[in-house]
Amino acid sequence: MSRAADRLRLLINHLDRSPATITAEPTSTQTFTYSHPQRLRYSFDTDLLTPEDRLFYEENGFLLVKNLVSEEDIDRFRMPGPSEVAWCREREFQCEDAVDEP
């Protein structure tokens, strides 16, 4: 039998059922409750992340961890400002990431 004929026969079997085997299920959005997926693809079930964190990561692809990096470290790695650019120019250094302010 051809593949198309097999698919058609399967479809007819699904549609041609006795009413006793058909059960109604609620379809209203009011009865829908959201639950976590049974199997998350990109994270492991460890005690490091909460289920909410894992779900956020699965949906968005990143985590936001507040206060992970101190303000001092953030300030240390910021791009140089105009005073740093002037300092580099006075000493004939190259500040590759330096940007002149308008």
Protein backbone atom coordinates (compact mmCIF):
# COMPACT_ATOMS: atom_id res chain seq x y z
CA MET A 1 0.00 0.00 0.00
CA SER A 2 1.28 3.50 -0.75
CA ARG A 3 2.23 5.95 1.95
CA ALA A 4 -0.69 8.24 1.06
CA ALA A 5 -3.12 5.33 1.31
CA ASP A 6 -1.71 4.37 4.72
CA ARG A 7 -2.13 7.92 5.97
CA LEU A 8 -5.69 8.11 4.64
CA ARG A 9 -6.59 4.81 6.31
CA LEU A 10 -5.14 6.05 9.62
CA LEU A 11 -7.09 9.30 9.34
CA ILE A 12 -10.33 7.45 8.63
CA ASN A 13 -9.72 5.20 11.65
CA HIS A 14 -9.31 8.29 13.84
CA LEU A 15 -12.51 9.85 12.53
CA ASP A 16 -14.62 6.68 12.41
CA ARG A 17 -14.92 5.93 16.11
CA SER A 18 -17.96 4.93 18.05
CA PRO A 19 -19.48 7.67 20.22
CA ALA A 20 -18.75 5.59 23.33
CA THR A 21 -15.00 6.02 22.87
CA ILE A 22 -15.17 9.80 22.42
CA THR A 23 -14.83 11.87 25.59
CA ALA A 24 -15.28 15.61 25.88
CA GLU A 25 -12.50 17.70 27.34
CA PRO A 26 -12.82 21.30 28.56
CA THR A 27 -11.49 23.77 26.03
CA SER A 28 -12.23 27.07 27.71
CA THR A 29 -9.22 29.17 28.61
CA GLN A 30 -10.77 29.61 32.02
CA THR A 31 -10.10 25.96 32.82
CA PHE A 32 -6.55 26.08 31.48
CA THR A 33 -3.85 26.06 34.12
CA TYR A 34 -0.23 26.64 33.27
CA SER A 35 2.28 24.13 34.55
CA HIS A 36 6.01 23.87 34.06
CA PRO A 37 7.06 21.71 31.14
CA GLN A 38 7.89 18.19 32.22
CA ARG A 39 11.25 18.28 30.50
CA LEU A 40 13.25 21.45 30.11
CA ARG A 41 15.72 21.30 27.24
CA TYR A 42 18.49 23.72 28.17
CA SER A 43 18.90 23.46 31.94
CA PHE A 44 19.49 20.72 34.46
CA ASP A 45 17.42 19.96 37.54
CA THR A 46 19.83 20.96 40.29
CA ASP A 47 19.40 22.99 43.45
CA LEU A 48 21.24 25.99 41.93
CA LEU A 49 18.22 27.45 40.10
CA THR A 50 14.62 27.69 41.15
CA PRO A 51 11.98 26.22 38.82
CA GLU A 52 11.00 29.81 37.95
CA ASP A 53 14.62 30.66 37.04
CA ARG A 54 14.87 27.56 34.86
CA LEU A 55 11.62 28.38 33.08
CA PHE A 56 12.76 31.98 32.53
CA TYR A 57 16.02 30.70 31.03
CA GLU A 58 14.21 28.22 28.78
CA GLU A 59 11.89 30.95 27.47
CA ASN A 60 14.39 33.83 27.18
CA GLY A 61 17.82 32.27 26.83
CA PHE A 62 19.46 34.23 29.65
CA LEU A 63 19.31 34.77 33.39
CA LEU A 64 19.38 38.05 35.22
CA VAL A 65 21.26 37.73 38.50
CA LYS A 66 21.05 40.98 40.42
CA ASN A 67 24.16 42.17 42.30
CA LEU A 68 26.33 39.46 40.75
CA VAL A 69 28.99 42.02 39.77
CA SER A 70 29.90 44.77 42.21
CA GLU A 71 29.54 48.45 41.28
CA GLU A 72 33.30 48.86 41.72
CA ASP A 73 34.00 46.21 39.07
CA ILE A 74 31.45 47.73 36.71
CA ASP A 75 33.08 51.16 37.09
CA ARG A 76 36.51 49.65 36.55
CA PHE A 77 35.57 48.13 33.20
CA ARG A 78 33.59 51.03 31.74
CA MET A 79 34.80 52.64 28.51
CA PRO A 80 37.25 55.49 29.10
CA GLY A 81 35.73 58.96 29.24
CA PRO A 82 37.07 62.24 27.79
CA SER A 83 39.61 62.77 30.58
CA GLU A 84 41.11 59.31 30.01
CA VAL A 85 41.22 59.93 26.24
CA ALA A 86 43.05 63.23 26.81
CA TRP A 87 45.48 61.49 29.16
CA CYS A 88 46.23 58.85 26.48
CA ARG A 89 46.74 61.51 23.80
CA GLU A 90 49.14 63.49 25.98
CA ARG A 91 51.26 60.41 26.43
CA GLU A 92 50.80 59.22 22.83
CA PHE A 93 49.12 56.00 23.93
CA GLN A 94 46.48 54.29 21.88
CA CYS A 95 43.15 54.02 23.64
CA GLU A 96 41.48 51.57 21.26
CA ASP A 97 38.07 51.71 22.90
CA ALA A 98 38.15 55.43 23.64
CA VAL A 99 35.38 57.48 22.10
CA ASP A 100 35.46 61.27 21.81
CA GLU A 101 32.42 62.93 23.31
CA PRO A 102 30.78 65.56 21.03
